[in-house]
Amino acid sequence: RLEMQRFGVRVSIIEPGFFRTAITSSESLERHFRRLWERLPQETKALYGDNYLEDVLVSMRRIQKKCSPQLSVVTDCMEHALTSCHPRARYSAGWDAKLIYIPLSYLPSAFTDIF
C-alpha cells in the first residue's frame, strides 16, 4: 500500500473474515486435499499420522458452517473504497474480522500462536 503512494495510487486493504464462497466450499477443498494426500509419499503420510487428513477435513467443515453467506458486507467495503472521496486504509469485513483478527494483530506472536 505504501509502495504505491509515491506514484499517486491510493490503496485500500480489505480484510474479510470467513465468508461462504466457491473458494471456501468444503466439497471442492476436500477433493483437492484428498488428491494431494494421495500423491504424498508413504513416509510423509506416516510422519503426519493416520488421522491427520480426517482431522483437517473435520476442522474445515466446522469452519465452513460458521462462514457468513452475506457477501454484501465485503462488497459494501469495496464500494466504499472505490467511490469514497476519503477511503480508509483498511476495511475489516465481517464480525469475525473485527472481533478476532484486529485484536489478535496487536498481540505478541507467541500468544496468537497459542490462540
PDB file of N, CA and C in Angstrom:
ATOM      1  N   ARG A   1       0.832  -1.178   0.000  1.00  0.00           N
ATOM      2  CA  ARG A   1       0.000   0.000   0.000  1.00  0.00           C
ATOM      3  C   ARG A   1       0.875   1.239   0.000  1.00  0.00           C
ATOM      4  N   LEU A   2       1.862   1.274   0.872  1.00  0.00           N
ATOM      5  CA  LEU A   2       2.738   2.440   0.971  1.00  0.00           C
ATOM      6  C   LEU A   2       3.661   2.573  -0.234  1.00  0.00           C
ATOM      7  N   GLU A   3       4.027   1.448  -0.837  1.00  0.00           N
ATOM      8  CA  GLU A   3       4.891   1.490  -2.021  1.00  0.00           C
ATOM      9  C   GLU A   3       4.216   2.201  -3.180  1.00  0.00           C
ATOM     10  N   MET A   4       2.915   2.082  -3.295  1.00  0.00           N
ATOM     11  CA  MET A   4       2.174   2.695  -4.399  1.00  0.00           C
ATOM     12  C   MET A   4       1.903   4.178  -4.166  1.00  0.00           C
ATOM     13  N   GLN A   5       2.014   4.622  -2.926  1.00  0.00           N
ATOM     14  CA  GLN A   5       1.699   6.006  -2.570  1.00  0.00           C
ATOM     15  C   GLN A   5       2.569   7.003  -3.337  1.00  0.00           C
ATOM     16  N   ARG A   6       3.816   6.685  -3.525  1.00  0.00           N
ATOM     17  CA  ARG A   6       4.717   7.616  -4.222  1.00  0.00           C
ATOM     18  C   ARG A   6       4.371   7.798  -5.688  1.00  0.00           C
ATOM     19  N   PHE A   7       3.539   6.904  -6.239  1.00  0.00           N
ATOM     20  CA  PHE A   7       3.083   7.029  -7.623  1.00  0.00           C
ATOM     21  C   PHE A   7       1.702   7.680  -7.710  1.00  0.00           C
ATOM     22  N   GLY A   8       1.202   8.125  -6.564  1.00  0.00           N
ATOM     23  CA  GLY A   8      -0.112   8.757  -6.534  1.00  0.00           C
ATOM     24  C   GLY A   8      -1.274   7.777  -6.538  1.00  0.00           C
ATOM     25  N   VAL A   9      -0.980   6.521  -6.257  1.00  0.00           N
ATOM     26  CA  VAL A   9      -2.020   5.487  -6.239  1.00  0.00           C
ATOM     27  C   VAL A   9      -2.403   5.225  -4.788  1.00  0.00           C
ATOM     28  N   ARG A  10      -3.682   5.385  -4.501  1.00  0.00           N
ATOM     29  CA  ARG A  10      -4.173   5.097  -3.151  1.00  0.00           C
ATOM     30  C   ARG A  10      -4.677   3.663  -3.110  1.00  0.00           C
ATOM     31  N   VAL A  11      -4.248   2.939  -2.117  1.00  0.00           N
ATOM     32  CA  VAL A  11      -4.618   1.533  -1.975  1.00  0.00           C
ATOM     33  C   VAL A  11      -5.347   1.358  -0.655  1.00  0.00           C
ATOM     34  N   SER A  12      -6.476   0.688  -0.711  1.00  0.00           N
ATOM     35  CA  SER A  12      -7.224   0.315   0.489  1.00  0.00           C
ATOM     36  C   SER A  12      -7.163  -1.201   0.615  1.00  0.00           C
ATOM     37  N   ILE A  13      -6.921  -1.665   1.815  1.00  0.00           N
ATOM     38  CA  ILE A  13      -6.845  -3.099   2.068  1.00  0.00           C
ATOM     39  C   ILE A  13      -8.170  -3.564   2.652  1.00  0.00           C
ATOM     40  N   ILE A  14      -8.738  -4.586   2.054  1.00  0.00           N
ATOM     41  CA  ILE A  14      -9.984  -5.153   2.553  1.00  0.00           C
ATOM     42  C   ILE A  14      -9.641  -6.517   3.146  1.00  0.00           C
ATOM     43  N   GLU A  15      -9.901  -6.645   4.449  1.00  0.00           N
ATOM     44  CA  GLU A  15      -9.557  -7.863   5.178  1.00  0.00           C
ATOM     45  C   GLU A  15     -10.847  -8.558   5.610  1.00  0.00           C
ATOM     46  N   PRO A  16     -11.337  -9.469   4.784  1.00  0.00           N
ATOM     47  CA  PRO A  16     -12.585 -10.144   5.142  1.00  0.00           C
ATOM     48  C   PRO A  16     -12.369 -11.260   6.150  1.00  0.00           C
ATOM     49  N   GLY A  17     -13.412 -11.532   6.907  1.00  0.00           N
ATOM     50  CA  GLY A  17     -13.417 -12.688   7.789  1.00  0.00           C
ATOM     51  C   GLY A  17     -13.779 -13.907   6.962  1.00  0.00           C
ATOM     52  N   PHE A  18     -14.503 -14.837   7.568  1.00  0.00           N
ATOM     53  CA  PHE A  18     -14.915 -16.053   6.861  1.00  0.00           C
ATOM     54  C   PHE A  18     -16.251 -15.835   6.173  1.00  0.00           C
ATOM     55  N   PHE A  19     -16.265 -16.019   4.853  1.00  0.00           N
ATOM     56  CA  PHE A  19     -17.483 -15.899   4.067  1.00  0.00           C
ATOM     57  C   PHE A  19     -17.627 -17.130   3.196  1.00  0.00           C
ATOM     58  N   ARG A  20     -18.856 -17.491   2.916  1.00  0.00           N
ATOM     59  CA  ARG A  20     -19.152 -18.668   2.118  1.00  0.00           C
ATOM     60  C   ARG A  20     -19.034 -18.316   0.640  1.00  0.00           C
ATOM     61  N   THR A  21     -17.983 -18.845   0.008  1.00  0.00           N
ATOM     62  CA  THR A  21     -17.751 -18.630  -1.423  1.00  0.00           C
ATOM     63  C   THR A  21     -17.311 -19.951  -2.045  1.00  0.00           C
ATOM     64  N   ALA A  22     -17.076 -19.930  -3.348  1.00  0.00           N
ATOM     65  CA  ALA A  22     -16.586 -21.143  -4.022  1.00  0.00           C
ATOM     66  C   ALA A  22     -15.208 -21.536  -3.483  1.00  0.00           C
ATOM     67  N   ILE A  23     -14.434 -20.555  -3.059  1.00  0.00           N
ATOM     68  CA  ILE A  23     -13.100 -20.841  -2.531  1.00  0.00           C
ATOM     69  C   ILE A  23     -13.188 -21.594  -1.211  1.00  0.00           C
ATOM     70  N   THR A  24     -14.197 -21.291  -0.401  1.00  0.00           N
ATOM     71  CA  THR A  24     -14.327 -21.941   0.904  1.00  0.00           C
ATOM     72  C   THR A  24     -15.271 -23.141   0.871  1.00  0.00           C
ATOM     73  N   SER A  25     -15.666 -23.564  -0.305  1.00  0.00           N
ATOM     74  CA  SER A  25     -16.556 -24.723  -0.434  1.00  0.00           C
ATOM     75  C   SER A  25     -15.864 -25.970   0.100  1.00  0.00           C
ATOM     76  N   SER A  26     -16.437 -26.571   1.135  1.00  0.00           N
ATOM     77  CA  SER A  26     -15.785 -27.723   1.749  1.00  0.00           C
ATOM     78  C   SER A  26     -15.709 -28.913   0.793  1.00  0.00           C
ATOM     79  N   GLU A  27     -16.662 -29.037  -0.129  1.00  0.00           N
ATOM     80  CA  GLU A  27     -16.636 -30.166  -1.063  1.00  0.00           C
ATOM     81  C   GLU A  27     -15.430 -30.080  -1.997  1.00  0.00           C
ATOM     82  N   SER A  28     -15.218 -28.907  -2.602  1.00  0.00           N
ATOM     83  CA  SER A  28     -14.086 -28.786  -3.535  1.00  0.00           C
ATOM     84  C   SER A  28     -12.756 -28.831  -2.787  1.00  0.00           C
ATOM     85  N   LEU A  29     -12.697 -28.216  -1.605  1.00  0.00           N
ATOM     86  CA  LEU A  29     -11.468 -28.282  -0.817  1.00  0.00           C
ATOM     87  C   LEU A  29     -11.162 -29.712  -0.387  1.00  0.00           C
ATOM     88  N   GLU A  30     -12.188 -30.434  -0.012  1.00  0.00           N
ATOM     89  CA  GLU A  30     -11.983 -31.823   0.406  1.00  0.00           C
ATOM     90  C   GLU A  30     -11.436 -32.663  -0.741  1.00  0.00           C
ATOM     91  N   ARG A  31     -12.004 -32.509  -1.935  1.00  0.00           N
ATOM     92  CA  ARG A  31     -11.494 -33.240  -3.101  1.00  0.00           C
ATOM     93  C   ARG A  31     -10.023 -32.890  -3.355  1.00  0.00           C
ATOM     94  N   HIS A  32      -9.722 -31.592  -3.270  1.00  0.00           N
ATOM     95  CA  HIS A  32      -8.348 -31.132  -3.504  1.00  0.00           C
ATOM     96  C   HIS A  32      -7.399 -31.702  -2.456  1.00  0.00           C
ATOM     97  N   PHE A  33      -7.764 -31.637  -1.174  1.00  0.00           N
ATOM     98  CA  PHE A  33      -6.908 -32.161  -0.107  1.00  0.00           C
ATOM     99  C   PHE A  33      -6.705 -33.664  -0.251  1.00  0.00           C
ATOM    100  N   ARG A  34      -7.758 -34.384  -0.580  1.00  0.00           N
ATOM    101  CA  ARG A  34      -7.625 -35.842  -0.744  1.00  0.00           C
ATOM    102  C   ARG A  34      -6.689 -36.178  -1.909  1.00  0.00           C
ATOM    103  N   ARG A  35      -6.810 -35.419  -3.015  1.00  0.00           N
ATOM    104  CA  ARG A  35      -5.913 -35.637  -4.150  1.00  0.00           C
ATOM    105  C   ARG A  35      -4.460 -35.396  -3.751  1.00  0.00           C
ATOM    106  N   LEU A  36      -4.206 -34.310  -3.021  1.00  0.00           N
ATOM    107  CA  LEU A  36      -2.845 -34.020  -2.574  1.00  0.00           C
ATOM    108  C   LEU A  36      -2.330 -35.093  -1.624  1.00  0.00           C
ATOM    109  N   TRP A  37      -3.191 -35.531  -0.718  1.00  0.00           N
ATOM    110  CA  TRP A  37      -2.801 -36.556   0.264  1.00  0.00           C
ATOM    111  C   TRP A  37      -2.405 -37.850  -0.439  1.00  0.00           C
ATOM    112  N   GLU A  38      -3.156 -38.224  -1.462  1.00  0.00           N
ATOM    113  CA  GLU A  38      -2.868 -39.469  -2.191  1.00  0.00           C
ATOM    114  C   GLU A  38      -1.531 -39.396  -2.914  1.00  0.00           C
ATOM    115  N   ARG A  39      -1.085 -38.215  -3.297  1.00  0.00           N
ATOM    116  CA  ARG A  39       0.174 -38.042  -4.019  1.00  0.00           C
ATOM    117  C   ARG A  39       1.386 -38.001  -3.089  1.00  0.00           C
ATOM    118  N   LEU A  40       1.154 -37.880  -1.791  1.00  0.00           N
ATOM    119  CA  LEU A  40       2.266 -37.825  -0.846  1.00  0.00           C
ATOM    120  C   LEU A  40       2.950 -39.183  -0.722  1.00  0.00           C
ATOM    121  N   PRO A  41       4.267 -39.175  -0.511  1.00  0.00           N
ATOM    122  CA  PRO A  41       4.960 -40.439  -0.246  1.00  0.00           C
ATOM    123  C   PRO A  41       4.464 -41.050   1.070  1.00  0.00           C
ATOM    124  N   GLN A  42       4.512 -42.345   1.159  1.00  0.00           N
ATOM    125  CA  GLN A  42       4.036 -43.051   2.348  1.00  0.00           C
ATOM    126  C   GLN A  42       4.772 -42.604   3.608  1.00  0.00           C
ATOM    127  N   GLU A  43       6.066 -42.284   3.481  1.00  0.00           N
ATOM    128  CA  GLU A  43       6.841 -41.832   4.636  1.00  0.00           C
ATOM    129  C   GLU A  43       6.288 -40.515   5.194  1.00  0.00           C
ATOM    130  N   THR A  44       5.906 -39.623   4.301  1.00  0.00           N
ATOM    131  CA  THR A  44       5.355 -38.329   4.726  1.00  0.00           C
ATOM    132  C   THR A  44       4.019 -38.533   5.421  1.00  0.00           C
ATOM    133  N   LYS A  45       3.177 -39.386   4.856  1.00  0.00           N
ATOM    134  CA  LYS A  45       1.886 -39.684   5.488  1.00  0.00           C
ATOM    135  C   LYS A  45       2.099 -40.255   6.886  1.00  0.00           C
ATOM    136  N   ALA A  46       3.099 -41.109   7.019  1.00  0.00           N
ATOM    137  CA  ALA A  46       3.384 -41.719   8.322  1.00  0.00           C
ATOM    138  C   ALA A  46       3.815 -40.662   9.336  1.00  0.00           C
ATOM    139  N   LEU A  47       4.584 -39.654   8.899  1.00  0.00           N
ATOM    140  CA  LEU A  47       5.001 -38.581   9.802  1.00  0.00           C
ATOM    141  C   LEU A  47       3.803 -37.797  10.345  1.00  0.00           C
ATOM    142  N   TYR A  48       2.827 -37.553   9.490  1.00  0.00           N
ATOM    143  CA  TYR A  48       1.636 -36.799   9.910  1.00  0.00           C
ATOM    144  C   TYR A  48       0.671 -37.658  10.724  1.00  0.00           C
ATOM    145  N   GLY A  49       0.678 -38.952  10.479  1.00  0.00           N
ATOM    146  CA  GLY A  49      -0.191 -39.852  11.229  1.00  0.00           C
ATOM    147  C   GLY A  49      -1.443 -40.210  10.457  1.00  0.00           C
ATOM    148  N   ASP A  50      -2.069 -41.277  10.906  1.00  0.00           N
ATOM    149  CA  ASP A  50      -3.238 -41.823  10.206  1.00  0.00           C
ATOM    150  C   ASP A  50      -4.439 -40.886  10.222  1.00  0.00           C
ATOM    151  N   ASN A  51      -4.621 -40.157  11.288  1.00  0.00           N
ATOM    152  CA  ASN A  51      -5.833 -39.331  11.435  1.00  0.00           C
ATOM    153  C   ASN A  51      -5.682 -37.900  10.944  1.00  0.00           C
ATOM    154  N   TYR A  52      -4.500 -37.526  10.470  1.00  0.00           N
ATOM    155  CA  TYR A  52      -4.244 -36.125  10.133  1.00  0.00           C
ATOM    156  C   TYR A  52      -5.238 -35.575   9.108  1.00  0.00           C
ATOM    157  N   LEU A  53      -5.375 -36.254   7.973  1.00  0.00           N
ATOM    158  CA  LEU A  53      -6.255 -35.751   6.913  1.00  0.00           C
ATOM    159  C   LEU A  53      -7.687 -35.622   7.404  1.00  0.00           C
ATOM    160  N   GLU A  54      -8.185 -36.643   8.083  1.00  0.00           N
ATOM    161  CA  GLU A  54      -9.568 -36.592   8.570  1.00  0.00           C
ATOM    162  C   GLU A  54      -9.759 -35.472   9.590  1.00  0.00           C
ATOM    163  N   ASP A  55      -8.780 -35.251  10.457  1.00  0.00           N
ATOM    164  CA  ASP A  55      -8.867 -34.152  11.427  1.00  0.00           C
ATOM    165  C   ASP A  55      -8.933 -32.799  10.725  1.00  0.00           C
ATOM    166  N   VAL A  56      -8.116 -32.630   9.678  1.00  0.00           N
ATOM    167  CA  VAL A  56      -8.130 -31.386   8.903  1.00  0.00           C
ATOM    168  C   VAL A  56      -9.499 -31.192   8.243  1.00  0.00           C
ATOM    169  N   LEU A  57     -10.035 -32.250   7.670  1.00  0.00           N
ATOM    170  CA  LEU A  57     -11.331 -32.154   6.989  1.00  0.00           C
ATOM    171  C   LEU A  57     -12.463 -31.839   7.965  1.00  0.00           C
ATOM    172  N   VAL A  58     -12.419 -32.414   9.152  1.00  0.00           N
ATOM    173  CA  VAL A  58     -13.436 -32.123  10.171  1.00  0.00           C
ATOM    174  C   VAL A  58     -13.358 -30.649  10.573  1.00  0.00           C
ATOM    175  N   SER A  59     -12.147 -30.141  10.792  1.00  0.00           N
ATOM    176  CA  SER A  59     -11.974 -28.726  11.146  1.00  0.00           C
ATOM    177  C   SER A  59     -12.462 -27.825  10.028  1.00  0.00           C
ATOM    178  N   MET A  60     -12.154 -28.190   8.805  1.00  0.00           N
ATOM    179  CA  MET A  60     -12.576 -27.398   7.650  1.00  0.00           C
ATOM    180  C   MET A  60     -14.104 -27.343   7.547  1.00  0.00           C
ATOM    181  N   ARG A  61     -14.762 -28.478   7.760  1.00  0.00           N
ATOM    182  CA  ARG A  61     -16.235 -28.497   7.713  1.00  0.00           C
ATOM    183  C   ARG A  61     -16.832 -27.642   8.827  1.00  0.00           C
ATOM    184  N   ARG A  62     -16.223 -27.675  10.005  1.00  0.00           N
ATOM    185  CA  ARG A  62     -16.691 -26.871  11.141  1.00  0.00           C
ATOM    186  C   ARG A  62     -16.578 -25.376  10.814  1.00  0.00           C
ATOM    187  N   ILE A  63     -15.469 -24.972  10.227  1.00  0.00           N
ATOM    188  CA  ILE A  63     -15.271 -23.574   9.847  1.00  0.00           C
ATOM    189  C   ILE A  63     -16.259 -23.182   8.757  1.00  0.00           C
ATOM    190  N   GLN A  64     -16.495 -24.069   7.795  1.00  0.00           N
ATOM    191  CA  GLN A  64     -17.430 -23.787   6.699  1.00  0.00           C
ATOM    192  C   GLN A  64     -18.821 -23.463   7.236  1.00  0.00           C
ATOM    193  N   LYS A  65     -19.234 -24.152   8.279  1.00  0.00           N
ATOM    194  CA  LYS A  65     -20.556 -23.903   8.853  1.00  0.00           C
ATOM    195  C   LYS A  65     -20.661 -22.515   9.477  1.00  0.00           C
ATOM    196  N   LYS A  66     -19.513 -21.958   9.900  1.00  0.00           N
ATOM    197  CA  LYS A  66     -19.502 -20.642  10.526  1.00  0.00           C
ATOM    198  C   LYS A  66     -19.320 -19.509   9.517  1.00  0.00           C
ATOM    199  N   CYS A  67     -19.041 -19.851   8.259  1.00  0.00           N
ATOM    200  CA  CYS A  67     -18.849 -18.833   7.230  1.00  0.00           C
ATOM    201  C   CYS A  67     -20.165 -18.110   6.960  1.00  0.00           C
ATOM    202  N   SER A  68     -20.073 -16.810   6.841  1.00  0.00           N
ATOM    203  CA  SER A  68     -21.256 -15.999   6.576  1.00  0.00           C
ATOM    204  C   SER A  68     -21.611 -16.054   5.087  1.00  0.00           C
ATOM    205  N   PRO A  69     -22.901 -16.212   4.779  1.00  0.00           N
ATOM    206  CA  PRO A  69     -23.317 -16.187   3.375  1.00  0.00           C
ATOM    207  C   PRO A  69     -23.532 -14.760   2.860  1.00  0.00           C
ATOM    208  N   GLN A  70     -23.400 -13.778   3.722  1.00  0.00           N
ATOM    209  CA  GLN A  70     -23.736 -12.390   3.410  1.00  0.00           C
ATOM    210  C   GLN A  70     -22.536 -11.657   2.799  1.00  0.00           C
ATOM    211  N   LEU A  71     -22.274 -11.910   1.529  1.00  0.00           N
ATOM    212  CA  LEU A  71     -21.126 -11.319   0.846  1.00  0.00           C
ATOM    213  C   LEU A  71     -21.261  -9.812   0.656  1.00  0.00           C
ATOM    214  N   SER A  72     -22.445  -9.289   0.827  1.00  0.00           N
ATOM    215  CA  SER A  72     -22.640  -7.847   0.659  1.00  0.00           C
ATOM    216  C   SER A  72     -21.806  -7.049   1.655  1.00  0.00           C
ATOM    217  N   VAL A  73     -21.449  -7.652   2.778  1.00  0.00           N
ATOM    218  CA  VAL A  73     -20.591  -6.969   3.754  1.00  0.00           C
ATOM    219  C   VAL A  73     -19.241  -6.643   3.104  1.00  0.00           C
ATOM    220  N   VAL A  74     -18.715  -7.581   2.345  1.00  0.00           N
ATOM    221  CA  VAL A  74     -17.427  -7.383   1.676  1.00  0.00           C
ATOM    222  C   VAL A  74     -17.587  -6.425   0.495  1.00  0.00           C
ATOM    223  N   THR A  75     -18.620  -6.624  -0.310  1.00  0.00           N
ATOM    224  CA  THR A  75     -18.791  -5.764  -1.480  1.00  0.00           C
ATOM    225  C   THR A  75     -19.125  -4.327  -1.078  1.00  0.00           C
ATOM    226  N   ASP A  76     -19.774  -4.146   0.065  1.00  0.00           N
ATOM    227  CA  ASP A  76     -20.013  -2.784   0.556  1.00  0.00           C
ATOM    228  C   ASP A  76     -18.692  -2.098   0.896  1.00  0.00           C
ATOM    229  N   CYS A  77     -17.763  -2.833   1.483  1.00  0.00           N
ATOM    230  CA  CYS A  77     -16.430  -2.276   1.756  1.00  0.00           C
ATOM    231  C   CYS A  77     -15.731  -1.900   0.454  1.00  0.00           C
ATOM    232  N   MET A  78     -15.835  -2.765  -0.540  1.00  0.00           N
ATOM    233  CA  MET A  78     -15.228  -2.488  -1.839  1.00  0.00           C
ATOM    234  C   MET A  78     -15.826  -1.229  -2.462  1.00  0.00           C
ATOM    235  N   GLU A  79     -17.146  -1.157  -2.407  1.00  0.00           N
ATOM    236  CA  GLU A  79     -17.821   0.006  -2.978  1.00  0.00           C
ATOM    237  C   GLU A  79     -17.378   1.291  -2.286  1.00  0.00           C
ATOM    238  N   HIS A  80     -17.295   1.267  -0.968  1.00  0.00           N
ATOM    239  CA  HIS A  80     -16.873   2.455  -0.227  1.00  0.00           C
ATOM    240  C   HIS A  80     -15.435   2.834  -0.593  1.00  0.00           C
ATOM    241  N   ALA A  81     -14.565   1.849  -0.687  1.00  0.00           N
ATOM    242  CA  ALA A  81     -13.161   2.114  -1.023  1.00  0.00           C
ATOM    243  C   ALA A  81     -13.024   2.717  -2.413  1.00  0.00           C
ATOM    244  N   LEU A  82     -13.879   2.299  -3.335  1.00  0.00           N
ATOM    245  CA  LEU A  82     -13.785   2.775  -4.715  1.00  0.00           C
ATOM    246  C   LEU A  82     -14.482   4.110  -4.961  1.00  0.00           C
ATOM    247  N   THR A  83     -15.515   4.400  -4.202  1.00  0.00           N
ATOM    248  CA  THR A  83     -16.323   5.586  -4.504  1.00  0.00           C
ATOM    249  C   THR A  83     -16.179   6.724  -3.507  1.00  0.00           C
ATOM    250  N   SER A  84     -15.571   6.474  -2.377  1.00  0.00           N
ATOM    251  CA  SER A  84     -15.447   7.492  -1.343  1.00  0.00           C
ATOM    252  C   SER A  84     -14.374   8.522  -1.706  1.00  0.00           C
ATOM    253  N   CYS A  85     -14.620   9.762  -1.332  1.00  0.00           N
ATOM    254  CA  CYS A  85     -13.598  10.804  -1.512  1.00  0.00           C
ATOM    255  C   CYS A  85     -12.391  10.541  -0.618  1.00  0.00           C
ATOM    256  N   HIS A  86     -12.646   9.989   0.544  1.00  0.00           N
ATOM    257  CA  HIS A  86     -11.588   9.703   1.523  1.00  0.00           C
ATOM    258  C   HIS A  86     -11.722   8.258   2.001  1.00  0.00           C
ATOM    259  N   PRO A  87     -11.295   7.304   1.157  1.00  0.00           N
ATOM    260  CA  PRO A  87     -11.409   5.896   1.576  1.00  0.00           C
ATOM    261  C   PRO A  87     -10.460   5.586   2.724  1.00  0.00           C
ATOM    262  N   ARG A  88     -10.838   4.603   3.508  1.00  0.00           N
ATOM    263  CA  ARG A  88      -9.993   4.175   4.623  1.00  0.00           C
ATOM    264  C   ARG A  88      -8.798   3.376   4.099  1.00  0.00           C
ATOM    265  N   ALA A  89      -7.768   3.300   4.907  1.00  0.00           N
ATOM    266  CA  ALA A  89      -6.601   2.493   4.536  1.00  0.00           C
ATOM    267  C   ALA A  89      -6.925   1.012   4.659  1.00  0.00           C
ATOM    268  N   ARG A  90      -7.738   0.662   5.658  1.00  0.00           N
ATOM    269  CA  ARG A  90      -8.089  -0.744   5.908  1.00  0.00           C
ATOM    270  C   ARG A  90      -9.585  -0.869   6.165  1.00  0.00           C
ATOM    271  N   TYR A  91     -10.132  -1.956   5.653  1.00  0.00           N
ATOM    272  CA  TYR A  91     -11.523  -2.300   5.909  1.00  0.00           C
ATOM    273  C   TYR A  91     -11.550  -3.721   6.457  1.00  0.00           C
ATOM    274  N   SER A  92     -12.211  -3.915   7.564  1.00  0.00           N
ATOM    275  CA  SER A  92     -12.396  -5.252   8.124  1.00  0.00           C
ATOM    276  C   SER A  92     -13.846  -5.645   7.885  1.00  0.00           C
ATOM    277  N   ALA A  93     -14.042  -6.649   7.062  1.00  0.00           N
ATOM    278  CA  ALA A  93     -15.388  -7.059   6.673  1.00  0.00           C
ATOM    279  C   ALA A  93     -15.798  -8.299   7.455  1.00  0.00           C
ATOM    280  N   GLY A  94     -16.872  -8.170   8.223  1.00  0.00           N
ATOM    281  CA  GLY A  94     -17.390  -9.297   8.985  1.00  0.00           C
ATOM    282  C   GLY A  94     -17.078  -9.172  10.457  1.00  0.00           C
ATOM    283  N   TRP A  95     -17.964  -9.745  11.266  1.00  0.00           N
ATOM    284  CA  TRP A  95     -17.793  -9.652  12.720  1.00  0.00           C
ATOM    285  C   TRP A  95     -16.530 -10.351  13.186  1.00  0.00           C
ATOM    286  N   ASP A  96     -16.195 -11.484  12.538  1.00  0.00           N
ATOM    287  CA  ASP A  96     -15.009 -12.216  12.965  1.00  0.00           C
ATOM    288  C   ASP A  96     -13.736 -11.422  12.686  1.00  0.00           C
ATOM    289  N   ALA A  97     -13.702 -10.687  11.599  1.00  0.00           N
ATOM    290  CA  ALA A  97     -12.532  -9.865  11.299  1.00  0.00           C
ATOM    291  C   ALA A  97     -12.390  -8.745  12.321  1.00  0.00           C
ATOM    292  N   LYS A  98     -13.503  -8.171  12.722  1.00  0.00           N
ATOM    293  CA  LYS A  98     -13.463  -7.062  13.683  1.00  0.00           C
ATOM    294  C   LYS A  98     -13.169  -7.530  15.107  1.00  0.00           C
ATOM    295  N   LEU A  99     -13.768  -8.630  15.508  1.00  0.00           N
ATOM    296  CA  LEU A  99     -13.654  -9.067  16.899  1.00  0.00           C
ATOM    297  C   LEU A  99     -12.488 -10.006  17.182  1.00  0.00           C
ATOM    298  N   ILE A 100     -11.983 -10.660  16.162  1.00  0.00           N
ATOM    299  CA  ILE A 100     -10.913 -11.629  16.391  1.00  0.00           C
ATOM    300  C   ILE A 100      -9.597 -11.164  15.778  1.00  0.00           C
ATOM    301  N   TYR A 101      -9.596 -10.888  14.481  1.00  0.00           N
ATOM    302  CA  TYR A 101      -8.334 -10.634  13.783  1.00  0.00           C
ATOM    303  C   TYR A 101      -7.704  -9.299  14.129  1.00  0.00           C
ATOM    304  N   ILE A 102      -8.494  -8.261  14.279  1.00  0.00           N
ATOM    305  CA  ILE A 102      -7.902  -6.960  14.629  1.00  0.00           C
ATOM    306  C   ILE A 102      -7.252  -7.014  16.009  1.00  0.00           C
ATOM    307  N   PRO A 103      -7.967  -7.472  17.041  1.00  0.00           N
ATOM    308  CA  PRO A 103      -7.290  -7.546  18.350  1.00  0.00           C
ATOM    309  C   PRO A 103      -6.067  -8.470  18.338  1.00  0.00           C
ATOM    310  N   LEU A 104      -6.155  -9.587  17.625  1.00  0.00           N
ATOM    311  CA  LEU A 104      -5.014 -10.508  17.567  1.00  0.00           C
ATOM    312  C   LEU A 104      -3.798  -9.862  16.918  1.00  0.00           C
ATOM    313  N   SER A 105      -4.031  -8.959  15.969  1.00  0.00           N
ATOM    314  CA  SER A 105      -2.902  -8.333  15.277  1.00  0.00           C
ATOM    315  C   SER A 105      -2.056  -7.463  16.202  1.00  0.00           C
ATOM    316  N   TYR A 106      -2.613  -7.061  17.339  1.00  0.00           N
ATOM    317  CA  TYR A 106      -1.873  -6.229  18.283  1.00  0.00           C
ATOM    318  C   TYR A 106      -1.148  -7.042  19.354  1.00  0.00           C
ATOM    319  N   LEU A 107      -1.411  -8.329  19.412  1.00  0.00           N
ATOM    320  CA  LEU A 107      -0.822  -9.177  20.447  1.00  0.00           C
ATOM    321  C   LEU A 107       0.506  -9.775  19.994  1.00  0.00           C
ATOM    322  N   PRO A 108       1.337 -10.177  20.939  1.00  0.00           N
ATOM    323  CA  PRO A 108       2.596 -10.837  20.575  1.00  0.00           C
ATOM    324  C   PRO A 108       2.337 -12.145  19.817  1.00  0.00           C
ATOM    325  N   SER A 109       3.236 -12.479  18.924  1.00  0.00           N
ATOM    326  CA  SER A 109       3.078 -13.686  18.106  1.00  0.00           C
ATOM    327  C   SER A 109       2.948 -14.948  18.944  1.00  0.00           C
ATOM    328  N   ALA A 110       3.651 -15.015  20.055  1.00  0.00           N
ATOM    329  CA  ALA A 110       3.583 -16.213  20.898  1.00  0.00           C
ATOM    330  C   ALA A 110       2.147 -16.454  21.375  1.00  0.00           C
ATOM    331  N   PHE A 111       1.441 -15.375  21.714  1.00  0.00           N
ATOM    332  CA  PHE A 111       0.067 -15.513  22.164  1.00  0.00           C
ATOM    333  C   PHE A 111      -0.852 -15.925  21.015  1.00  0.00           C
ATOM    334  N   THR A 112      -0.691 -15.290  19.853  1.00  0.00           N
ATOM    335  CA  THR A 112      -1.554 -15.617  18.729  1.00  0.00           C
ATOM    336  C   THR A 112      -1.304 -17.035  18.240  1.00  0.00           C
ATOM    337  N   ASP A 113      -0.078 -17.538  18.384  1.00  0.00           N
ATOM    338  CA  ASP A 113       0.212 -18.914  18.016  1.00  0.00           C
ATOM    339  C   ASP A 113      -0.573 -19.891  18.874  1.00  0.00           C
ATOM    340  N   ILE A 114      -0.706 -19.573  20.157  1.00  0.00           N
ATOM    341  CA  ILE A 114      -1.477 -20.424  21.066  1.00  0.00           C
ATOM    342  C   ILE A 114      -2.955 -20.385  20.692  1.00  0.00           C
ATOM    343  N   PHE A 115      -3.441 -19.179  20.386  1.00  0.00           N
ATOM    344  CA  PHE A 115      -4.850 -18.999  20.048  1.00  0.00           C
ATOM    345  C   PHE A 115      -5.172 -19.735  18.771  1.00  0.00           C
TER     346      PHE A 115
END
